[in-house]
Amino acid sequence: MAHLSLVPAQPKPPLSLMAPDFQPLLSKFNDLTRELRTAGAAIKALNFLDNRIVVSDADLDIIARRFAHEIRSQSSKTQEHLTRHSVLIRGIYVSWHSLVKEQNQ
């Protein structure tokens, strides 16, 4: 009978300024941030370590028109009274929040 051996995932080492992949990641993150601002989207938060740019939900039409051909996936996660919606653009998560709608019973 075969044995199942579970091995914990190795934690990713913290991103260092000296790491060879730091500069390209930062450049890609900054380029997308710049393009979002140029398109007219309001940036609410930048989180480079989470690879996430948070925008206003009022700017979704701008993002849809300008970046629709670059969106690769979409996800939503609800926590308490907020839902965080995210799309992946150029390998970076662009997120916005909406209130959870209560259902009538």
C-alpha atoms as a PDB file:
ATOM      1  CA  MET A   1       0.000   0.000   0.000  1.00  0.00           C
ATOM      2  CA  ALA A   2       1.368   3.421  -0.942  1.00  0.00           C
ATOM      3  CA  HIS A   3       1.932   6.019   1.726  1.00  0.00           C
ATOM      4  CA  LEU A   4       0.923   9.610   1.344  1.00  0.00           C
ATOM      5  CA  SER A   5       3.590  11.980   2.506  1.00  0.00           C
ATOM      6  CA  LEU A   6       2.540  15.591   2.953  1.00  0.00           C
ATOM      7  CA  VAL A   7       5.379  18.050   2.765  1.00  0.00           C
ATOM      8  CA  PRO A   8       4.741  21.656   3.750  1.00  0.00           C
ATOM      9  CA  ALA A   9       5.276  24.186   1.002  1.00  0.00           C
ATOM     10  CA  GLN A  10       8.565  26.008   1.218  1.00  0.00           C
ATOM     11  CA  PRO A  11       8.015  29.660   2.106  1.00  0.00           C
ATOM     12  CA  LYS A  12       9.042  32.123  -0.546  1.00  0.00           C
ATOM     13  CA  PRO A  13      12.096  34.085   0.490  1.00  0.00           C
ATOM     14  CA  PRO A  14      11.385  37.790   0.984  1.00  0.00           C
ATOM     15  CA  LEU A  15      11.916  39.862  -2.120  1.00  0.00           C
ATOM     16  CA  SER A  16      15.259  41.589  -1.877  1.00  0.00           C
ATOM     17  CA  LEU A  17      16.410  44.735  -3.644  1.00  0.00           C
ATOM     18  CA  MET A  18      19.381  42.692  -4.820  1.00  0.00           C
ATOM     19  CA  ALA A  19      17.261  39.878  -6.269  1.00  0.00           C
ATOM     20  CA  PRO A  20      17.521  39.733 -10.061  1.00  0.00           C
ATOM     21  CA  ASP A  21      13.733  39.614 -10.504  1.00  0.00           C
ATOM     22  CA  PHE A  22      13.010  42.637  -8.258  1.00  0.00           C
ATOM     23  CA  GLN A  23      13.646  45.361 -10.834  1.00  0.00           C
ATOM     24  CA  PRO A  24      11.522  43.817 -13.627  1.00  0.00           C
ATOM     25  CA  LEU A  25       8.639  43.220 -11.202  1.00  0.00           C
ATOM     26  CA  LEU A  26       8.797  46.760  -9.859  1.00  0.00           C
ATOM     27  CA  SER A  27       9.008  48.189 -13.369  1.00  0.00           C
ATOM     28  CA  LYS A  28       5.961  46.174 -14.514  1.00  0.00           C
ATOM     29  CA  PHE A  29       4.015  47.247 -11.401  1.00  0.00           C
ATOM     30  CA  ASN A  30       4.906  50.930 -11.883  1.00  0.00           C
ATOM     31  CA  ASP A  31       4.121  50.844 -15.625  1.00  0.00           C
ATOM     32  CA  LEU A  32       0.621  49.466 -15.024  1.00  0.00           C
ATOM     33  CA  THR A  33       0.022  51.991 -12.226  1.00  0.00           C
ATOM     34  CA  ARG A  34       1.061  54.810 -14.559  1.00  0.00           C
ATOM     35  CA  GLU A  35      -1.180  53.539 -17.368  1.00  0.00           C
ATOM     36  CA  LEU A  36      -4.174  53.201 -15.035  1.00  0.00           C
ATOM     37  CA  ARG A  37      -3.696  56.797 -13.890  1.00  0.00           C
ATOM     38  CA  THR A  38      -3.243  58.019 -17.466  1.00  0.00           C
ATOM     39  CA  ALA A  39      -6.495  56.271 -18.451  1.00  0.00           C
ATOM     40  CA  GLY A  40      -8.244  58.208 -15.675  1.00  0.00           C
ATOM     41  CA  ALA A  41      -8.585  55.540 -12.977  1.00  0.00           C
ATOM     42  CA  ALA A  42      -8.240  56.658  -9.364  1.00  0.00           C
ATOM     43  CA  ILE A  43      -5.687  54.548  -7.506  1.00  0.00           C
ATOM     44  CA  LYS A  44      -6.850  53.958  -3.935  1.00  0.00           C
ATOM     45  CA  ALA A  45      -3.963  51.768  -2.754  1.00  0.00           C
ATOM     46  CA  LEU A  46      -0.753  50.182  -4.006  1.00  0.00           C
ATOM     47  CA  ASN A  47       0.548  46.989  -2.426  1.00  0.00           C
ATOM     48  CA  PHE A  48       3.670  45.808  -4.207  1.00  0.00           C
ATOM     49  CA  LEU A  49       4.279  42.895  -1.820  1.00  0.00           C
ATOM     50  CA  ASP A  50       0.799  41.492  -2.569  1.00  0.00           C
ATOM     51  CA  ASN A  51       1.176  42.375  -6.264  1.00  0.00           C
ATOM     52  CA  ARG A  52      -2.075  44.354  -6.031  1.00  0.00           C
ATOM     53  CA  ILE A  53      -3.353  47.746  -7.200  1.00  0.00           C
ATOM     54  CA  VAL A  54      -6.670  48.834  -5.665  1.00  0.00           C
ATOM     55  CA  VAL A  55      -8.860  51.141  -7.734  1.00  0.00           C
ATOM     56  CA  SER A  56     -12.210  52.830  -7.208  1.00  0.00           C
ATOM     57  CA  ASP A  57     -15.239  50.837  -8.327  1.00  0.00           C
ATOM     58  CA  ALA A  58     -16.412  53.984 -10.117  1.00  0.00           C
ATOM     59  CA  ASP A  59     -13.577  53.495 -12.619  1.00  0.00           C
ATOM     60  CA  LEU A  60     -14.500  49.996 -13.782  1.00  0.00           C
ATOM     61  CA  ASP A  61     -15.804  51.250 -17.126  1.00  0.00           C
ATOM     62  CA  ILE A  62     -12.439  52.947 -17.786  1.00  0.00           C
ATOM     63  CA  ILE A  63     -10.564  49.755 -16.949  1.00  0.00           C
ATOM     64  CA  ALA A  64     -12.917  47.620 -19.031  1.00  0.00           C
ATOM     65  CA  ARG A  65     -12.516  49.840 -22.093  1.00  0.00           C
ATOM     66  CA  ARG A  66      -8.772  50.339 -21.832  1.00  0.00           C
ATOM     67  CA  PHE A  67      -7.587  46.939 -20.539  1.00  0.00           C
ATOM     68  CA  ALA A  68     -10.295  44.431 -21.577  1.00  0.00           C
ATOM     69  CA  HIS A  69      -7.976  42.672 -24.018  1.00  0.00           C
ATOM     70  CA  GLU A  70      -5.364  42.181 -21.248  1.00  0.00           C
ATOM     71  CA  ILE A  71      -7.608  40.769 -18.502  1.00  0.00           C
ATOM     72  CA  ARG A  72      -6.663  37.151 -17.865  1.00  0.00           C
ATOM     73  CA  SER A  73      -8.785  36.091 -14.895  1.00  0.00           C
ATOM     74  CA  GLN A  74     -11.372  37.364 -12.458  1.00  0.00           C
ATOM     75  CA  SER A  75     -12.069  36.418  -8.856  1.00  0.00           C
ATOM     76  CA  SER A  76     -14.151  37.623  -5.915  1.00  0.00           C
ATOM     77  CA  LYS A  77     -13.703  37.086  -2.200  1.00  0.00           C
ATOM     78  CA  THR A  78     -16.270  38.130   0.390  1.00  0.00           C
ATOM     79  CA  GLN A  79     -15.298  38.967   3.936  1.00  0.00           C
ATOM     80  CA  GLU A  80     -17.865  40.377   6.360  1.00  0.00           C
ATOM     81  CA  HIS A  81     -19.643  43.246   4.524  1.00  0.00           C
ATOM     82  CA  LEU A  82     -17.172  43.755   1.659  1.00  0.00           C
ATOM     83  CA  THR A  83     -16.392  41.793  -1.462  1.00  0.00           C
ATOM     84  CA  ARG A  84     -12.978  42.231  -3.052  1.00  0.00           C
ATOM     85  CA  HIS A  85     -13.142  41.735  -6.815  1.00  0.00           C
ATOM     86  CA  SER A  86      -9.885  41.236  -8.701  1.00  0.00           C
ATOM     87  CA  VAL A  87      -8.762  40.898 -12.289  1.00  0.00           C
ATOM     88  CA  LEU A  88      -5.296  39.930 -13.456  1.00  0.00           C
ATOM     89  CA  ILE A  89      -3.713  42.389 -15.872  1.00  0.00           C
ATOM     90  CA  ARG A  90      -0.109  41.768 -16.976  1.00  0.00           C
ATOM     91  CA  GLY A  91       0.395  39.469 -14.004  1.00  0.00           C
ATOM     92  CA  ILE A  92      -0.737  42.116 -11.493  1.00  0.00           C
ATOM     93  CA  TYR A  93      -3.993  42.020  -9.546  1.00  0.00           C
ATOM     94  CA  VAL A  94      -6.213  45.059 -10.032  1.00  0.00           C
ATOM     95  CA  SER A  95      -8.862  45.050  -7.301  1.00  0.00           C
ATOM     96  CA  TRP A  96     -11.888  47.020  -6.149  1.00  0.00           C
ATOM     97  CA  HIS A  97     -14.355  46.593  -3.296  1.00  0.00           C
ATOM     98  CA  SER A  98     -18.138  46.488  -3.184  1.00  0.00           C
ATOM     99  CA  LEU A  99     -20.633  46.132  -0.368  1.00  0.00           C
ATOM    100  CA  VAL A 100     -22.259  42.755   0.128  1.00  0.00           C
ATOM    101  CA  LYS A 101     -25.939  42.911  -0.727  1.00  0.00           C
ATOM    102  CA  GLU A 102     -28.253  41.446   1.905  1.00  0.00           C
ATOM    103  CA  GLN A 103     -30.889  39.033   0.700  1.00  0.00           C
ATOM    104  CA  ASN A 104     -34.498  39.475   1.787  1.00  0.00           C
ATOM    105  CA  GLN A 105     -35.899  36.499   3.594  1.00  0.00           C
END
